């Protein structure tokens, strides 16, 4: 059970990182495109 808990936590953290990184990445690309 402990292993499963760790795995769930790890997958959740990865998903959160994706949500946090993707929007910022898109915004950064948009900014560079707008300035260029």
C-alpha atoms as a PDB file:
ATOM      1  CA  UNK A   1       0.000   0.000   0.000  1.00  0.00           C
ATOM      2  CA  UNK A   2       2.833   2.394   0.800  1.00  0.00           C
ATOM      3  CA  UNK A   3       4.329   1.842  -2.666  1.00  0.00           C
ATOM      4  CA  UNK A   4       0.956   2.489  -4.304  1.00  0.00           C
ATOM      5  CA  UNK A   5       0.572   5.672  -2.274  1.00  0.00           C
ATOM      6  CA  UNK A   6       3.984   6.917  -3.409  1.00  0.00           C
ATOM      7  CA  UNK A   7       3.184   6.086  -7.045  1.00  0.00           C
ATOM      8  CA  UNK A   8      -0.137   7.954  -6.882  1.00  0.00           C
ATOM      9  CA  UNK A   9       1.564  10.942  -5.314  1.00  0.00           C
ATOM     10  CA  UNK A  10       4.305  10.898  -7.933  1.00  0.00           C
ATOM     11  CA  UNK A  11       1.803  10.765 -10.827  1.00  0.00           C
ATOM     12  CA  UNK A  12      -0.245  13.562  -9.239  1.00  0.00           C
ATOM     13  CA  UNK A  13       2.850  15.748  -8.865  1.00  0.00           C
ATOM     14  CA  UNK A  14       3.814  15.112 -12.501  1.00  0.00           C
ATOM     15  CA  UNK A  15       0.308  16.078 -13.649  1.00  0.00           C
ATOM     16  CA  UNK A  16       0.409  19.267 -11.575  1.00  0.00           C
ATOM     17  CA  UNK A  17       3.850  20.142 -12.955  1.00  0.00           C
ATOM     18  CA  UNK A  18       2.528  19.633 -16.506  1.00  0.00           C
ATOM     19  CA  UNK A  19      -0.447  21.939 -15.860  1.00  0.00           C
ATOM     20  CA  UNK A  20       1.816  24.581 -14.296  1.00  0.00           C
ATOM     21  CA  UNK A  21       4.579  24.336 -16.924  1.00  0.00           C
ATOM     22  CA  UNK A  22       2.460  24.083 -20.091  1.00  0.00           C
ATOM     23  CA  UNK A  23       0.443  27.333 -19.671  1.00  0.00           C
ATOM     24  CA  UNK A  24       3.587  29.278 -18.756  1.00  0.00           C
ATOM     25  CA  UNK A  25       5.430  27.764 -21.725  1.00  0.00           C
ATOM     26  CA  UNK A  26       2.576  28.763 -24.044  1.00  0.00           C
ATOM     27  CA  UNK A  27       2.507  32.290 -22.606  1.00  0.00           C
ATOM     28  CA  UNK A  28       6.283  32.648 -23.056  1.00  0.00           C
ATOM     29  CA  UNK A  29       6.071  31.492 -26.687  1.00  0.00           C
ATOM     30  CA  UNK A  30       3.176  33.886 -27.286  1.00  0.00           C
ATOM     31  CA  UNK A  31       5.188  36.776 -25.810  1.00  0.00           C
ATOM     32  CA  UNK A  32       8.232  36.012 -27.977  1.00  0.00           C
ATOM     33  CA  UNK A  33       6.008  35.740 -31.060  1.00  0.00           C
ATOM     34  CA  UNK A  34       4.230  39.022 -30.269  1.00  0.00           C
ATOM     35  CA  UNK A  35       7.521  40.902 -29.736  1.00  0.00           C
ATOM     36  CA  UNK A  36       9.087  39.287 -32.828  1.00  0.00           C
END
